[in-house]
Amino acid sequence: MTTNWYVYLLRCADNSLYTGVTIDLNRRVNEHNTSNKLGAKYTRVRRPVELAFWETQPDRQKACQREYQLKQLTKPAKELLVKRHRKNLST
């Protein structure tokens, strides 16, 4: 069985964007919002967070490579990704 990996961006309460990878988006967003042990240290002090962008990758290696690429982007470039993602979801 093939498991999809997701690369995602979370919009934090301070309007910053957090980048991560997971195999379960709903569980991971919930962990970021509620768990002091499972959520990332970065998001713990920036709650609530909401899912702003996601894309699938075929495996963990590709997901981590894409996560690295996204982390290298400027904030305006990440915001453009989020805007395009939102537009694609509404069409």
N, C-alpha and C. Protein backbone atom coordinates (compact mmCIF):
# COMPACT_ATOMS: atom_id res chain seq x y z
N MET A 1 0.84 -1.20 0.00
CA MET A 1 0.00 0.00 0.00
C MET A 1 0.88 1.25 0.00
N THR A 2 0.57 2.17 -0.89
CA THR A 2 1.32 3.41 -0.98
C THR A 2 0.69 4.46 -0.08
N THR A 3 1.51 5.09 0.72
CA THR A 3 1.05 6.16 1.60
C THR A 3 1.46 7.49 1.01
N ASN A 4 0.50 8.37 0.84
CA ASN A 4 0.83 9.73 0.40
C ASN A 4 1.42 10.51 1.56
N TRP A 5 2.42 11.26 1.26
CA TRP A 5 2.99 12.20 2.20
C TRP A 5 2.53 13.59 1.80
N TYR A 6 2.35 14.44 2.76
CA TYR A 6 1.90 15.80 2.51
C TYR A 6 2.96 16.79 3.00
N VAL A 7 3.16 17.82 2.21
CA VAL A 7 3.93 18.98 2.63
C VAL A 7 2.89 20.06 2.87
N TYR A 8 2.98 20.75 3.97
CA TYR A 8 1.93 21.71 4.30
C TYR A 8 2.50 23.00 4.87
N LEU A 9 1.69 24.05 4.75
CA LEU A 9 1.97 25.33 5.40
C LEU A 9 0.82 25.63 6.34
N LEU A 10 1.16 26.02 7.54
CA LEU A 10 0.16 26.44 8.51
C LEU A 10 0.22 27.95 8.67
N ARG A 11 -0.94 28.57 8.74
CA ARG A 11 -1.01 30.00 9.07
C ARG A 11 -1.15 30.10 10.59
N CYS A 12 -0.18 30.72 11.21
CA CYS A 12 -0.19 30.87 12.66
C CYS A 12 -0.95 32.14 13.05
N ALA A 13 -1.27 32.25 14.34
CA ALA A 13 -2.04 33.39 14.83
C ALA A 13 -1.31 34.71 14.60
N ASP A 14 0.02 34.69 14.55
CA ASP A 14 0.78 35.91 14.30
C ASP A 14 1.00 36.17 12.81
N ASN A 15 0.30 35.42 11.96
CA ASN A 15 0.34 35.52 10.50
C ASN A 15 1.62 34.95 9.89
N SER A 16 2.44 34.30 10.69
CA SER A 16 3.62 33.63 10.12
C SER A 16 3.17 32.32 9.50
N LEU A 17 4.05 31.73 8.70
CA LEU A 17 3.76 30.46 8.05
C LEU A 17 4.76 29.41 8.52
N TYR A 18 4.24 28.26 8.92
CA TYR A 18 5.06 27.15 9.37
C TYR A 18 4.98 26.04 8.32
N THR A 19 6.12 25.43 7.99
CA THR A 19 6.17 24.37 6.98
C THR A 19 6.47 23.04 7.64
N GLY A 20 5.75 21.98 7.21
CA GLY A 20 6.00 20.66 7.76
C GLY A 20 5.60 19.56 6.80
N VAL A 21 5.84 18.32 7.22
CA VAL A 21 5.45 17.13 6.44
C VAL A 21 4.70 16.17 7.35
N THR A 22 3.80 15.39 6.76
CA THR A 22 3.02 14.43 7.52
C THR A 22 2.36 13.44 6.57
N ILE A 23 1.80 12.37 7.13
CA ILE A 23 0.97 11.47 6.33
C ILE A 23 -0.51 11.67 6.66
N ASP A 24 -0.80 12.47 7.69
CA ASP A 24 -2.18 12.69 8.12
C ASP A 24 -2.36 14.17 8.47
N LEU A 25 -2.91 14.93 7.53
CA LEU A 25 -3.05 16.38 7.72
C LEU A 25 -3.92 16.75 8.91
N ASN A 26 -5.09 16.12 9.01
CA ASN A 26 -6.01 16.48 10.10
C ASN A 26 -5.39 16.21 11.47
N ARG A 27 -4.78 15.06 11.62
CA ARG A 27 -4.15 14.73 12.90
C ARG A 27 -3.04 15.73 13.22
N ARG A 28 -2.23 16.05 12.22
CA ARG A 28 -1.09 16.93 12.45
C ARG A 28 -1.52 18.34 12.81
N VAL A 29 -2.51 18.88 12.13
CA VAL A 29 -3.00 20.22 12.46
C VAL A 29 -3.55 20.22 13.88
N ASN A 30 -4.28 19.17 14.23
CA ASN A 30 -4.82 19.05 15.59
C ASN A 30 -3.67 19.01 16.61
N GLU A 31 -2.63 18.27 16.32
CA GLU A 31 -1.48 18.22 17.23
C GLU A 31 -0.85 19.60 17.39
N HIS A 32 -0.71 20.32 16.30
CA HIS A 32 -0.14 21.67 16.38
C HIS A 32 -0.99 22.59 17.25
N ASN A 33 -2.31 22.39 17.20
CA ASN A 33 -3.21 23.27 17.95
C ASN A 33 -3.42 22.85 19.40
N THR A 34 -3.24 21.58 19.72
CA THR A 34 -3.64 21.13 21.05
C THR A 34 -2.55 20.47 21.89
N SER A 35 -1.53 19.91 21.27
CA SER A 35 -0.56 19.13 22.02
C SER A 35 0.72 19.90 22.32
N ASN A 36 1.11 19.91 23.58
CA ASN A 36 2.37 20.54 23.96
C ASN A 36 3.55 19.59 23.77
N LYS A 37 3.27 18.32 23.50
CA LYS A 37 4.35 17.36 23.28
C LYS A 37 4.51 17.03 21.81
N LEU A 38 3.40 16.92 21.07
CA LEU A 38 3.45 16.50 19.67
C LEU A 38 3.50 17.66 18.69
N GLY A 39 2.98 18.81 19.08
CA GLY A 39 3.02 19.98 18.21
C GLY A 39 4.42 20.56 18.18
N ALA A 40 4.75 21.25 17.10
CA ALA A 40 6.06 21.86 16.98
C ALA A 40 6.22 23.00 17.99
N LYS A 41 7.43 23.13 18.50
CA LYS A 41 7.73 24.20 19.45
C LYS A 41 7.37 25.57 18.86
N TYR A 42 7.64 25.74 17.56
CA TYR A 42 7.36 27.01 16.89
C TYR A 42 5.88 27.36 16.95
N THR A 43 5.01 26.38 16.73
CA THR A 43 3.58 26.68 16.67
C THR A 43 2.92 26.75 18.04
N ARG A 44 3.54 26.18 19.06
CA ARG A 44 2.93 26.18 20.41
C ARG A 44 2.61 27.56 20.91
N VAL A 45 3.48 28.51 20.61
CA VAL A 45 3.28 29.88 21.10
C VAL A 45 2.59 30.76 20.07
N ARG A 46 2.15 30.16 18.96
CA ARG A 46 1.51 30.92 17.88
C ARG A 46 0.15 30.34 17.53
N ARG A 47 -0.53 29.77 18.49
CA ARG A 47 -1.85 29.17 18.27
C ARG A 47 -2.92 30.24 18.28
N PRO A 48 -4.04 29.98 17.61
CA PRO A 48 -4.33 28.78 16.83
C PRO A 48 -3.66 28.84 15.45
N VAL A 49 -3.49 27.67 14.87
CA VAL A 49 -2.96 27.57 13.51
C VAL A 49 -4.04 26.98 12.62
N GLU A 50 -3.95 27.30 11.34
CA GLU A 50 -4.89 26.70 10.38
C GLU A 50 -4.12 26.30 9.13
N LEU A 51 -4.62 25.27 8.50
CA LEU A 51 -3.99 24.75 7.29
C LEU A 51 -4.18 25.75 6.16
N ALA A 52 -3.08 26.21 5.56
CA ALA A 52 -3.15 27.22 4.51
C ALA A 52 -2.80 26.67 3.14
N PHE A 53 -2.00 25.60 3.10
CA PHE A 53 -1.52 25.04 1.84
C PHE A 53 -1.10 23.60 2.08
N TRP A 54 -1.35 22.75 1.09
CA TRP A 54 -0.80 21.40 1.15
C TRP A 54 -0.65 20.85 -0.24
N GLU A 55 0.27 19.93 -0.38
CA GLU A 55 0.43 19.20 -1.63
C GLU A 55 0.92 17.80 -1.28
N THR A 56 0.63 16.86 -2.15
CA THR A 56 1.03 15.47 -1.90
C THR A 56 2.38 15.18 -2.54
N GLN A 57 3.08 14.25 -1.94
CA GLN A 57 4.34 13.74 -2.45
C GLN A 57 4.30 12.23 -2.35
N PRO A 58 5.01 11.52 -3.23
CA PRO A 58 4.90 10.06 -3.27
C PRO A 58 5.56 9.34 -2.10
N ASP A 59 6.55 9.98 -1.46
CA ASP A 59 7.24 9.32 -0.35
C ASP A 59 7.86 10.36 0.58
N ARG A 60 8.37 9.88 1.70
CA ARG A 60 8.92 10.78 2.70
C ARG A 60 10.11 11.58 2.17
N GLN A 61 10.96 10.93 1.42
CA GLN A 61 12.14 11.61 0.90
C GLN A 61 11.75 12.81 0.03
N LYS A 62 10.80 12.60 -0.88
CA LYS A 62 10.35 13.69 -1.75
C LYS A 62 9.66 14.78 -0.92
N ALA A 63 8.90 14.37 0.08
CA ALA A 63 8.21 15.34 0.93
C ALA A 63 9.22 16.20 1.67
N CYS A 64 10.25 15.59 2.20
CA CYS A 64 11.27 16.34 2.93
C CYS A 64 12.07 17.26 2.01
N GLN A 65 12.32 16.80 0.80
CA GLN A 65 13.01 17.65 -0.18
C GLN A 65 12.16 18.88 -0.51
N ARG A 66 10.86 18.64 -0.71
CA ARG A 66 9.96 19.75 -1.02
C ARG A 66 9.81 20.69 0.17
N GLU A 67 9.76 20.13 1.38
CA GLU A 67 9.70 20.96 2.59
C GLU A 67 10.91 21.89 2.63
N TYR A 68 12.07 21.35 2.35
CA TYR A 68 13.30 22.17 2.34
C TYR A 68 13.18 23.29 1.32
N GLN A 69 12.68 22.96 0.12
CA GLN A 69 12.51 23.98 -0.92
C GLN A 69 11.57 25.10 -0.45
N LEU A 70 10.46 24.71 0.16
CA LEU A 70 9.50 25.71 0.63
C LEU A 70 10.09 26.58 1.73
N LYS A 71 10.87 25.98 2.59
CA LYS A 71 11.48 26.75 3.69
C LYS A 71 12.48 27.78 3.17
N GLN A 72 13.01 27.57 1.97
CA GLN A 72 13.95 28.52 1.39
C GLN A 72 13.26 29.71 0.75
N LEU A 73 11.95 29.61 0.51
CA LEU A 73 11.21 30.69 -0.13
C LEU A 73 11.06 31.89 0.80
N THR A 74 10.93 33.05 0.20
CA THR A 74 10.63 34.25 0.98
C THR A 74 9.17 34.20 1.44
N LYS A 75 8.83 35.02 2.39
CA LYS A 75 7.44 35.08 2.87
C LYS A 75 6.49 35.46 1.73
N PRO A 76 6.83 36.48 0.90
CA PRO A 76 5.93 36.80 -0.21
C PRO A 76 5.73 35.63 -1.18
N ALA A 77 6.77 34.86 -1.43
CA ALA A 77 6.64 33.70 -2.32
C ALA A 77 5.74 32.64 -1.70
N LYS A 78 5.86 32.43 -0.40
CA LYS A 78 4.98 31.48 0.29
C LYS A 78 3.54 31.96 0.25
N GLU A 79 3.34 33.27 0.45
CA GLU A 79 1.99 33.83 0.40
C GLU A 79 1.37 33.63 -0.99
N LEU A 80 2.18 33.74 -2.03
CA LEU A 80 1.68 33.51 -3.39
C LEU A 80 1.25 32.05 -3.57
N LEU A 81 2.01 31.12 -3.03
CA LEU A 81 1.62 29.70 -3.06
C LEU A 81 0.27 29.50 -2.38
N VAL A 82 0.11 30.10 -1.21
CA VAL A 82 -1.14 29.98 -0.45
C VAL A 82 -2.30 30.55 -1.25
N LYS A 83 -2.08 31.72 -1.84
CA LYS A 83 -3.13 32.38 -2.63
C LYS A 83 -3.55 31.51 -3.82
N ARG A 84 -2.57 30.97 -4.54
CA ARG A 84 -2.88 30.11 -5.69
C ARG A 84 -3.58 28.83 -5.26
N HIS A 85 -3.15 28.29 -4.13
CA HIS A 85 -3.76 27.05 -3.61
C HIS A 85 -5.24 27.31 -3.29
N ARG A 86 -5.49 28.42 -2.61
CA ARG A 86 -6.87 28.78 -2.25
C ARG A 86 -7.73 28.96 -3.50
N LYS A 87 -7.15 29.60 -4.52
CA LYS A 87 -7.87 29.81 -5.78
C LYS A 87 -8.19 28.48 -6.45
N ASN A 88 -7.23 27.56 -6.47
CA ASN A 88 -7.45 26.23 -7.07
C ASN A 88 -8.52 25.43 -6.33
N LEU A 89 -8.59 25.60 -5.03
CA LEU A 89 -9.61 24.88 -4.25
C LEU A 89 -11.01 25.40 -4.55
N SER A 90 -11.11 26.68 -4.87
CA SER A 90 -12.44 27.26 -5.10
C SER A 90 -12.93 27.08 -6.53
N THR A 91 -12.11 26.55 -7.42
CA THR A 91 -12.56 26.37 -8.81
C THR A 91 -12.94 24.95 -9.09
